[in-house]
PDB file of all heavy atoms in Angstrom:
ATOM      1  N   ASN A   1      68.590 144.826  90.715  1.00  0.00           N
ATOM      2  CA  ASN A   1      67.529 144.588  89.747  1.00  0.00           C
ATOM      3  C   ASN A   1      67.493 143.137  89.278  1.00  0.00           C
ATOM      4  O   ASN A   1      66.418 142.611  88.978  1.00  0.00           O
ATOM      5  CB  ASN A   1      67.680 145.540  88.558  1.00  0.00           C
ATOM      6  CG  ASN A   1      67.199 146.944  88.885  1.00  0.00           C
ATOM      7  OD1 ASN A   1      66.008 147.179  89.035  1.00  0.00           O
ATOM      8  ND2 ASN A   1      68.128 147.873  89.018  1.00  0.00           N
ATOM      9  N   LEU A   2      68.642 142.488  89.251  1.00  0.00           N
ATOM     10  CA  LEU A   2      68.668 141.058  88.924  1.00  0.00           C
ATOM     11  C   LEU A   2      67.945 140.263  90.004  1.00  0.00           C
ATOM     12  O   LEU A   2      67.165 139.339  89.702  1.00  0.00           O
ATOM     13  CB  LEU A   2      70.111 140.574  88.788  1.00  0.00           C
ATOM     14  CG  LEU A   2      70.285 139.078  88.500  1.00  0.00           C
ATOM     15  CD1 LEU A   2      69.616 138.704  87.182  1.00  0.00           C
ATOM     16  CD2 LEU A   2      71.776 138.709  88.472  1.00  0.00           C
ATOM     17  N   MET A   3      68.153 140.626  91.262  1.00  0.00           N
ATOM     18  CA  MET A   3      67.450 139.951  92.359  1.00  0.00           C
ATOM     19  C   MET A   3      65.943 140.125  92.241  1.00  0.00           C
ATOM     20  O   MET A   3      65.167 139.179  92.440  1.00  0.00           O
ATOM     21  CB  MET A   3      67.931 140.501  93.703  1.00  0.00           C
ATOM     22  CG  MET A   3      69.337 140.109  94.087  1.00  0.00           C
ATOM     23  SD  MET A   3      69.844 140.902  95.649  1.00  0.00           S
ATOM     24  CE  MET A   3      68.639 140.193  96.795  1.00  0.00           C
ATOM     25  N   VAL A   4      65.513 141.336  91.901  1.00  0.00           N
ATOM     26  CA  VAL A   4      64.083 141.591  91.754  1.00  0.00           C
ATOM     27  C   VAL A   4      63.510 140.770  90.605  1.00  0.00           C
ATOM     28  O   VAL A   4      62.426 140.177  90.715  1.00  0.00           O
ATOM     29  CB  VAL A   4      63.815 143.090  91.521  1.00  0.00           C
ATOM     30  CG1 VAL A   4      62.337 143.343  91.224  1.00  0.00           C
ATOM     31  CG2 VAL A   4      64.234 143.902  92.746  1.00  0.00           C
ATOM     32  N   ARG A   5      64.239 140.704  89.513  1.00  0.00           N
ATOM     33  CA  ARG A   5      63.765 139.950  88.349  1.00  0.00           C
ATOM     34  C   ARG A   5      63.647 138.459  88.662  1.00  0.00           C
ATOM     35  O   ARG A   5      62.691 137.784  88.246  1.00  0.00           O
ATOM     36  CB  ARG A   5      64.706 140.175  87.166  1.00  0.00           C
ATOM     37  CG  ARG A   5      64.590 141.561  86.551  1.00  0.00           C
ATOM     38  CD  ARG A   5      65.765 141.873  85.633  1.00  0.00           C
ATOM     39  NE  ARG A   5      65.827 140.989  84.485  1.00  0.00           N
ATOM     40  CZ  ARG A   5      65.229 141.220  83.321  1.00  0.00           C
ATOM     41  NH1 ARG A   5      64.518 142.325  83.164  1.00  0.00           N
ATOM     42  NH2 ARG A   5      65.353 140.378  82.312  1.00  0.00           N
ATOM     43  N   VAL A   6      64.628 137.941  89.407  1.00  0.00           N
ATOM     44  CA  VAL A   6      64.643 136.510  89.710  1.00  0.00           C
ATOM     45  C   VAL A   6      63.610 136.152  90.774  1.00  0.00           C
ATOM     46  O   VAL A   6      62.794 135.237  90.601  1.00  0.00           O
ATOM     47  CB  VAL A   6      66.055 136.070  90.162  1.00  0.00           C
ATOM     48  CG1 VAL A   6      66.023 134.639  90.711  1.00  0.00           C
ATOM     49  CG2 VAL A   6      67.036 136.175  88.992  1.00  0.00           C
ATOM     50  N   PHE A   7      63.629 136.866  91.894  1.00  0.00           N
ATOM     51  CA  PHE A   7      62.761 136.507  93.018  1.00  0.00           C
ATOM     52  C   PHE A   7      61.309 136.943  92.805  1.00  0.00           C
ATOM     53  O   PHE A   7      60.384 136.228  93.209  1.00  0.00           O
ATOM     54  CB  PHE A   7      63.292 137.127  94.320  1.00  0.00           C
ATOM     55  CG  PHE A   7      64.458 136.401  94.906  1.00  0.00           C
ATOM     56  CD1 PHE A   7      65.750 136.808  94.624  1.00  0.00           C
ATOM     57  CD2 PHE A   7      64.273 135.296  95.732  1.00  0.00           C
ATOM     58  CE1 PHE A   7      66.842 136.130  95.159  1.00  0.00           C
ATOM     59  CE2 PHE A   7      65.353 134.622  96.269  1.00  0.00           C
ATOM     60  CZ  PHE A   7      66.644 135.039  95.991  1.00  0.00           C
ATOM     61  N   LEU A   8      61.117 138.100  92.190  1.00  0.00           N
ATOM     62  CA  LEU A   8      59.775 138.658  92.092  1.00  0.00           C
ATOM     63  C   LEU A   8      59.179 138.532  90.689  1.00  0.00           C
ATOM     64  O   LEU A   8      58.092 139.054  90.426  1.00  0.00           O
ATOM     65  CB  LEU A   8      59.785 140.127  92.533  1.00  0.00           C
ATOM     66  CG  LEU A   8      60.313 140.364  93.956  1.00  0.00           C
ATOM     67  CD1 LEU A   8      60.283 141.851  94.309  1.00  0.00           C
ATOM     68  CD2 LEU A   8      59.513 139.567  94.979  1.00  0.00           C
ATOM     69  N   LYS A   9      59.915 137.857  89.801  1.00  0.00           N
ATOM     70  CA  LYS A   9      59.411 137.543  88.461  1.00  0.00           C
ATOM     71  C   LYS A   9      58.986 138.797  87.703  1.00  0.00           C
ATOM     72  O   LYS A   9      57.958 138.830  87.032  1.00  0.00           O
ATOM     73  CB  LYS A   9      58.231 136.570  88.540  1.00  0.00           C
ATOM     74  CG  LYS A   9      58.483 135.322  89.371  1.00  0.00           C
ATOM     75  CD  LYS A   9      59.635 134.493  88.824  1.00  0.00           C
ATOM     76  CE  LYS A   9      59.863 133.234  89.651  1.00  0.00           C
ATOM     77  NZ  LYS A   9      61.063 132.497  89.216  1.00  0.00           N
ATOM     78  N   SER A  10      59.793 139.841  87.804  1.00  0.00           N
ATOM     79  CA  SER A  10      59.497 141.082  87.097  1.00  0.00           C
ATOM     80  C   SER A  10      60.312 141.143  85.808  1.00  0.00           C
ATOM     81  O   SER A  10      61.510 140.856  85.818  1.00  0.00           O
ATOM     82  CB  SER A  10      59.838 142.292  87.967  1.00  0.00           C
ATOM     83  OG  SER A  10      59.772 143.483  87.207  1.00  0.00           O
ATOM     84  N   PRO A  11      59.696 141.533  84.697  1.00  0.00           N
ATOM     85  CA  PRO A  11      60.435 141.651  83.439  1.00  0.00           C
ATOM     86  C   PRO A  11      61.177 142.977  83.297  1.00  0.00           C
ATOM     87  O   PRO A  11      61.934 143.166  82.346  1.00  0.00           O
ATOM     88  CB  PRO A  11      59.326 141.550  82.393  1.00  0.00           C
ATOM     89  CG  PRO A  11      58.146 142.191  83.056  1.00  0.00           C
ATOM     90  CD  PRO A  11      58.259 141.812  84.518  1.00  0.00           C
ATOM     91  N   LEU A  12      60.981 143.895  84.241  1.00  0.00           N
ATOM     92  CA  LEU A  12      61.578 145.218  84.132  1.00  0.00           C
ATOM     93  C   LEU A  12      63.070 145.183  84.441  1.00  0.00           C
ATOM     94  O   LEU A  12      63.542 144.336  85.189  1.00  0.00           O
ATOM     95  CB  LEU A  12      60.871 146.190  85.068  1.00  0.00           C
ATOM     96  CG  LEU A  12      59.357 146.311  84.879  1.00  0.00           C
ATOM     97  CD1 LEU A  12      58.767 147.245  85.923  1.00  0.00           C
ATOM     98  CD2 LEU A  12      59.017 146.789  83.486  1.00  0.00           C
ATOM     99  N   ARG A  13      63.780 146.164  83.888  1.00  0.00           N
ATOM    100  CA  ARG A  13      65.232 146.211  84.068  1.00  0.00           C
ATOM    101  C   ARG A  13      65.670 147.191  85.156  1.00  0.00           C
ATOM    102  O   ARG A  13      66.747 147.058  85.717  1.00  0.00           O
ATOM    103  CB  ARG A  13      65.899 146.571  82.732  1.00  0.00           C
ATOM    104  CG  ARG A  13      65.836 145.451  81.709  1.00  0.00           C
ATOM    105  CD  ARG A  13      66.197 145.928  80.325  1.00  0.00           C
ATOM    106  NE  ARG A  13      65.153 146.769  79.749  1.00  0.00           N
ATOM    107  CZ  ARG A  13      65.088 147.105  78.459  1.00  0.00           C
ATOM    108  NH1 ARG A  13      66.013 146.678  77.628  1.00  0.00           N
ATOM    109  NH2 ARG A  13      64.113 147.864  78.007  1.00  0.00           N
ATOM    110  N   ASP A  14      64.846 148.208  85.413  1.00  0.00           N
ATOM    111  CA  ASP A  14      65.199 149.218  86.414  1.00  0.00           C
ATOM    112  C   ASP A  14      63.952 149.550  87.225  1.00  0.00           C
ATOM    113  O   ASP A  14      63.007 150.150  86.710  1.00  0.00           O
ATOM    114  CB  ASP A  14      65.748 150.472  85.738  1.00  0.00           C
ATOM    115  CG  ASP A  14      66.265 151.499  86.742  1.00  0.00           C
ATOM    116  OD1 ASP A  14      66.243 151.210  87.953  1.00  0.00           O
ATOM    117  OD2 ASP A  14      66.697 152.578  86.304  1.00  0.00           O
ATOM    118  N   HIS A  15      63.961 149.182  88.501  1.00  0.00           N
ATOM    119  CA  HIS A  15      62.786 149.380  89.351  1.00  0.00           C
ATOM    120  C   HIS A  15      62.891 150.618  90.230  1.00  0.00           C
ATOM    121  O   HIS A  15      61.892 151.079  90.765  1.00  0.00           O
ATOM    122  CB  HIS A  15      62.588 148.147  90.251  1.00  0.00           C
ATOM    123  CG  HIS A  15      62.386 146.880  89.494  1.00  0.00           C
ATOM    124  ND1 HIS A  15      63.434 146.154  88.968  1.00  0.00           N
ATOM    125  CD2 HIS A  15      61.252 146.210  89.164  1.00  0.00           C
ATOM    126  CE1 HIS A  15      62.956 145.082  88.344  1.00  0.00           C
ATOM    127  NE2 HIS A  15      61.645 145.098  88.445  1.00  0.00           N
ATOM    128  N   GLN A  16      64.092 151.169  90.405  1.00  0.00           N
ATOM    129  CA  GLN A  16      64.302 152.201  91.413  1.00  0.00           C
ATOM    130  C   GLN A  16      64.528 153.606  90.867  1.00  0.00           C
ATOM    131  O   GLN A  16      64.840 154.515  91.634  1.00  0.00           O
ATOM    132  CB  GLN A  16      65.488 151.818  92.302  1.00  0.00           C
ATOM    133  CG  GLN A  16      65.172 150.729  93.316  1.00  0.00           C
ATOM    134  CD  GLN A  16      64.080 151.124  94.292  1.00  0.00           C
ATOM    135  OE1 GLN A  16      63.035 150.502  94.347  1.00  0.00           O
ATOM    136  NE2 GLN A  16      64.322 152.178  95.076  1.00  0.00           N
ATOM    137  N   CYS A  17      64.405 153.798  89.586  1.00  0.00           N
ATOM    138  CA  CYS A  17      64.613 155.131  89.040  1.00  0.00           C
ATOM    139  C   CYS A  17      63.562 156.089  89.598  1.00  0.00           C
ATOM    140  O   CYS A  17      62.354 155.799  89.582  1.00  0.00           O
ATOM    141  CB  CYS A  17      64.521 155.094  87.512  1.00  0.00           C
ATOM    142  SG  CYS A  17      64.796 156.693  86.734  1.00  0.00           S
ATOM    143  N   GLY A  18      64.001 157.251  90.079  1.00  0.00           N
ATOM    144  CA  GLY A  18      63.097 158.214  90.696  1.00  0.00           C
ATOM    145  C   GLY A  18      62.403 159.107  89.689  1.00  0.00           C
ATOM    146  O   GLY A  18      62.421 160.343  89.808  1.00  0.00           O
ATOM    147  N   PHE A  19      61.773 158.484  88.708  1.00  0.00           N
ATOM    148  CA  PHE A  19      61.079 159.222  87.650  1.00  0.00           C
ATOM    149  C   PHE A  19      59.988 158.308  87.103  1.00  0.00           C
ATOM    150  O   PHE A  19      60.242 157.469  86.264  1.00  0.00           O
ATOM    151  CB  PHE A  19      62.077 159.602  86.543  1.00  0.00           C
ATOM    152  CG  PHE A  19      61.498 160.483  85.463  1.00  0.00           C
ATOM    153  CD1 PHE A  19      61.224 161.814  85.703  1.00  0.00           C
ATOM    154  CD2 PHE A  19      61.267 159.971  84.197  1.00  0.00           C
ATOM    155  CE1 PHE A  19      60.714 162.624  84.690  1.00  0.00           C
ATOM    156  CE2 PHE A  19      60.762 160.776  83.186  1.00  0.00           C
ATOM    157  CZ  PHE A  19      60.482 162.109  83.429  1.00  0.00           C
ATOM    158  N   LYS A  20      58.770 158.475  87.641  1.00  0.00           N
ATOM    159  CA  LYS A  20      57.694 157.549  87.317  1.00  0.00           C
ATOM    160  C   LYS A  20      56.388 158.297  87.095  1.00  0.00           C
ATOM    161  O   LYS A  20      56.138 159.342  87.694  1.00  0.00           O
ATOM    162  CB  LYS A  20      57.507 156.522  88.435  1.00  0.00           C
ATOM    163  CG  LYS A  20      58.649 155.523  88.578  1.00  0.00           C
ATOM    164  CD  LYS A  20      58.412 154.567  89.739  1.00  0.00           C
ATOM    165  CE  LYS A  20      59.395 153.415  89.736  1.00  0.00           C
ATOM    166  NZ  LYS A  20      60.786 153.866  89.897  1.00  0.00           N
ATOM    167  N   GLY A  21      55.536 157.722  86.240  1.00  0.00           N
ATOM    168  CA  GLY A  21      54.222 158.282  85.986  1.00  0.00           C
ATOM    169  C   GLY A  21      53.167 157.195  86.020  1.00  0.00           C
ATOM    170  O   GLY A  21      53.458 156.025  85.719  1.00  0.00           O
ATOM    171  N   PHE A  22      51.945 157.592  86.364  1.00  0.00           N
ATOM    172  CA  PHE A  22      50.875 156.612  86.559  1.00  0.00           C
ATOM    173  C   PHE A  22      49.550 157.155  86.051  1.00  0.00           C
ATOM    174  O   PHE A  22      49.252 158.348  86.196  1.00  0.00           O
ATOM    175  CB  PHE A  22      50.700 156.299  88.052  1.00  0.00           C
ATOM    176  CG  PHE A  22      51.988 156.154  88.804  1.00  0.00           C
ATOM    177  CD1 PHE A  22      52.530 157.235  89.489  1.00  0.00           C
ATOM    178  CD2 PHE A  22      52.668 154.947  88.835  1.00  0.00           C
ATOM    179  CE1 PHE A  22      53.720 157.116  90.199  1.00  0.00           C
ATOM    180  CE2 PHE A  22      53.861 154.824  89.536  1.00  0.00           C
ATOM    181  CZ  PHE A  22      54.387 155.902  90.214  1.00  0.00           C
ATOM    182  N   LYS A  23      48.742 156.280  85.491  1.00  0.00           N
ATOM    183  CA  LYS A  23      47.352 156.621  85.237  1.00  0.00           C
ATOM    184  C   LYS A  23      46.641 156.610  86.591  1.00  0.00           C
ATOM    185  O   LYS A  23      46.782 155.664  87.364  1.00  0.00           O
ATOM    186  CB  LYS A  23      46.726 155.606  84.283  1.00  0.00           C
ATOM    187  CG  LYS A  23      45.366 155.992  83.753  1.00  0.00           C
ATOM    188  CD  LYS A  23      44.876 154.954  82.735  1.00  0.00           C
ATOM    189  CE  LYS A  23      45.735 154.985  81.475  1.00  0.00           C
ATOM    190  NZ  LYS A  23      45.222 154.037  80.461  1.00  0.00           N
ATOM    191  N   ARG A  24      45.906 157.649  86.885  1.00  0.00           N
ATOM    192  CA  ARG A  24      45.335 157.830  88.208  1.00  0.00           C
ATOM    193  C   ARG A  24      44.564 156.608  88.708  1.00  0.00           C
ATOM    194  O   ARG A  24      44.786 156.119  89.811  1.00  0.00           O
ATOM    195  CB  ARG A  24      44.410 159.054  88.219  1.00  0.00           C
ATOM    196  CG  ARG A  24      43.797 159.316  89.590  1.00  0.00           C
ATOM    197  CD  ARG A  24      42.785 160.440  89.584  1.00  0.00           C
ATOM    198  NE  ARG A  24      42.374 160.694  90.950  1.00  0.00           N
ATOM    199  CZ  ARG A  24      43.017 161.496  91.781  1.00  0.00           C
ATOM    200  NH1 ARG A  24      44.095 162.132  91.386  1.00  0.00           N
ATOM    201  NH2 ARG A  24      42.596 161.658  93.016  1.00  0.00           N
ATOM    202  N   GLU A  25      43.632 156.113  87.893  1.00  0.00           N
ATOM    203  CA  GLU A  25      42.774 155.005  88.331  1.00  0.00           C
ATOM    204  C   GLU A  25      43.599 153.763  88.669  1.00  0.00           C
ATOM    205  O   GLU A  25      43.305 153.048  89.629  1.00  0.00           O
ATOM    206  CB  GLU A  25      41.742 154.674  87.255  1.00  0.00           C
ATOM    207  CG  GLU A  25      40.742 155.774  86.966  1.00  0.00           C
ATOM    208  CD  GLU A  25      41.306 156.871  86.055  1.00  0.00           C
ATOM    209  OE1 GLU A  25      42.448 156.717  85.550  1.00  0.00           O
ATOM    210  OE2 GLU A  25      40.608 157.879  85.866  1.00  0.00           O
ATOM    211  N   ALA A  26      44.631 153.509  87.879  1.00  0.00           N
ATOM    212  CA  ALA A  26      45.466 152.328  88.104  1.00  0.00           C
ATOM    213  C   ALA A  26      46.243 152.443  89.413  1.00  0.00           C
ATOM    214  O   ALA A  26      46.297 151.498  90.210  1.00  0.00           O
ATOM    215  CB  ALA A  26      46.424 152.135  86.931  1.00  0.00           C
ATOM    216  N   LEU A  27      46.851 153.606  89.647  1.00  0.00           N
ATOM    217  CA  LEU A  27      47.641 153.771  90.865  1.00  0.00           C
ATOM    218  C   LEU A  27      46.766 153.667  92.101  1.00  0.00           C
ATOM    219  O   LEU A  27      47.157 153.041  93.101  1.00  0.00           O
ATOM    220  CB  LEU A  27      48.363 155.116  90.841  1.00  0.00           C
ATOM    221  CG  LEU A  27      49.256 155.395  92.056  1.00  0.00           C
ATOM    222  CD1 LEU A  27      50.399 154.385  92.139  1.00  0.00           C
ATOM    223  CD2 LEU A  27      49.801 156.825  92.019  1.00  0.00           C
ATOM    224  N   MET A  28      45.583 154.260  92.069  1.00  0.00           N
ATOM    225  CA  MET A  28      44.715 154.247  93.243  1.00  0.00           C
ATOM    226  C   MET A  28      44.257 152.831  93.613  1.00  0.00           C
ATOM    227  O   MET A  28      43.971 152.560  94.778  1.00  0.00           O
ATOM    228  CB  MET A  28      43.498 155.154  93.010  1.00  0.00           C
ATOM    229  CG  MET A  28      43.846 156.624  92.953  1.00  0.00           C
ATOM    230  SD  MET A  28      44.736 157.184  94.440  1.00  0.00           S
ATOM    231  CE  MET A  28      45.510 158.685  93.842  1.00  0.00           C
ATOM    232  N   ARG A  29      44.221 151.960  92.651  1.00  0.00           N
ATOM    233  CA  ARG A  29      43.848 150.575  92.937  1.00  0.00           C
ATOM    234  C   ARG A  29      44.946 149.821  93.690  1.00  0.00           C
ATOM    235  O   ARG A  29      44.682 148.792  94.314  1.00  0.00           O
ATOM    236  CB  ARG A  29      43.508 149.834  91.646  1.00  0.00           C
ATOM    237  CG  ARG A  29      42.163 150.235  91.054  1.00  0.00           C
ATOM    238  CD  ARG A  29      41.901 149.589  89.725  1.00  0.00           C
ATOM    239  NE  ARG A  29      41.942 148.126  89.806  1.00  0.00           N
ATOM    240  CZ  ARG A  29      41.812 147.326  88.749  1.00  0.00           C
ATOM    241  NH1 ARG A  29      41.652 147.854  87.544  1.00  0.00           N
ATOM    242  NH2 ARG A  29      41.859 146.019  88.893  1.00  0.00           N
ATOM    243  N   LEU A  30      46.171 150.349  93.644  1.00  0.00           N
ATOM    244  CA  LEU A  30      47.288 149.636  94.267  1.00  0.00           C
ATOM    245  C   LEU A  30      47.869 150.315  95.507  1.00  0.00           C
ATOM    246  O   LEU A  30      48.540 149.653  96.310  1.00  0.00           O
ATOM    247  CB  LEU A  30      48.422 149.447  93.247  1.00  0.00           C
ATOM    248  CG  LEU A  30      48.175 148.475  92.093  1.00  0.00           C
ATOM    249  CD1 LEU A  30      49.438 148.335  91.258  1.00  0.00           C
ATOM    250  CD2 LEU A  30      47.722 147.111  92.594  1.00  0.00           C
ATOM    251  N   LEU A  31      47.640 151.614  95.681  1.00  0.00           N
ATOM    252  CA  LEU A  31      48.338 152.360  96.743  1.00  0.00           C
ATOM    253  C   LEU A  31      48.194 151.712  98.112  1.00  0.00           C
ATOM    254  O   LEU A  31      49.168 151.600  98.870  1.00  0.00           O
ATOM    255  CB  LEU A  31      47.840 153.799  96.802  1.00  0.00           C
ATOM    256  CG  LEU A  31      48.568 154.835  95.944  1.00  0.00           C
ATOM    257  CD1 LEU A  31      48.075 156.222  96.275  1.00  0.00           C
ATOM    258  CD2 LEU A  31      50.079 154.746  96.094  1.00  0.00           C
ATOM    259  N   ASP A  32      46.983 151.298  98.470  1.00  0.00           N
ATOM    260  CA  ASP A  32      46.768 150.744  99.807  1.00  0.00           C
ATOM    261  C   ASP A  32      47.344 149.341  99.969  1.00  0.00           C
ATOM    262  O   ASP A  32      47.383 148.811 101.082  1.00  0.00           O
ATOM    263  CB  ASP A  32      45.273 150.731 100.137  1.00  0.00           C
ATOM    264  CG  ASP A  32      44.730 152.135 100.389  1.00  0.00           C
ATOM    265  OD1 ASP A  32      45.531 153.021 100.751  1.00  0.00           O
ATOM    266  OD2 ASP A  32      43.520 152.349 100.214  1.00  0.00           O
ATOM    267  N   LYS A  33      47.787 148.746  98.867  1.00  0.00           N
ATOM    268  CA  LYS A  33      48.409 147.422  98.933  1.00  0.00           C
ATOM    269  C   LYS A  33      49.922 147.511  99.116  1.00  0.00           C
ATOM    270  O   LYS A  33      50.570 146.497  99.399  1.00  0.00           O
ATOM    271  CB  LYS A  33      48.095 146.634  97.655  1.00  0.00           C
ATOM    272  CG  LYS A  33      46.609 146.369  97.447  1.00  0.00           C
ATOM    273  CD  LYS A  33      46.369 145.588  96.164  1.00  0.00           C
ATOM    274  CE  LYS A  33      44.877 145.347  95.940  1.00  0.00           C
ATOM    275  NZ  LYS A  33      44.613 144.601  94.687  1.00  0.00           N
ATOM    276  N   VAL A  34      50.469 148.716  98.941  1.00  0.00           N
ATOM    277  CA  VAL A  34      51.915 148.895  99.077  1.00  0.00           C
ATOM    278  C   VAL A  34      52.268 149.022 100.558  1.00  0.00           C
ATOM    279  O   VAL A  34      51.745 149.879 101.261  1.00  0.00           O
ATOM    280  CB  VAL A  34      52.390 150.145  98.312  1.00  0.00           C
ATOM    281  CG1 VAL A  34      53.888 150.358  98.517  1.00  0.00           C
ATOM    282  CG2 VAL A  34      52.070 150.008  96.833  1.00  0.00           C
ATOM    283  N   GLU A  35      53.154 148.165 101.027  1.00  0.00           N
ATOM    284  CA  GLU A  35      53.541 148.174 102.441  1.00  0.00           C
ATOM    285  C   GLU A  35      54.834 148.926 102.698  1.00  0.00           C
ATOM    286  O   GLU A  35      55.096 149.343 103.823  1.00  0.00           O
ATOM    287  CB  GLU A  35      53.672 146.728 102.937  1.00  0.00           C
ATOM    288  CG  GLU A  35      52.353 145.954 102.917  1.00  0.00           C
ATOM    289  CD  GLU A  35      52.489 144.548 103.474  1.00  0.00           C
ATOM    290  OE1 GLU A  35      53.635 144.177 103.883  1.00  0.00           O
ATOM    291  OE2 GLU A  35      51.487 143.820 103.486  1.00  0.00           O
TER     292      GLU A  35
END
């Protein structure tokens, strides 16, 4: 997570926790951009 914060400029502390929720419209705008 330190690597992600430094290289990808993310303010989050935990990126890999398998417990996530999304507003539908927001997620659909990004899904096709995820590689």
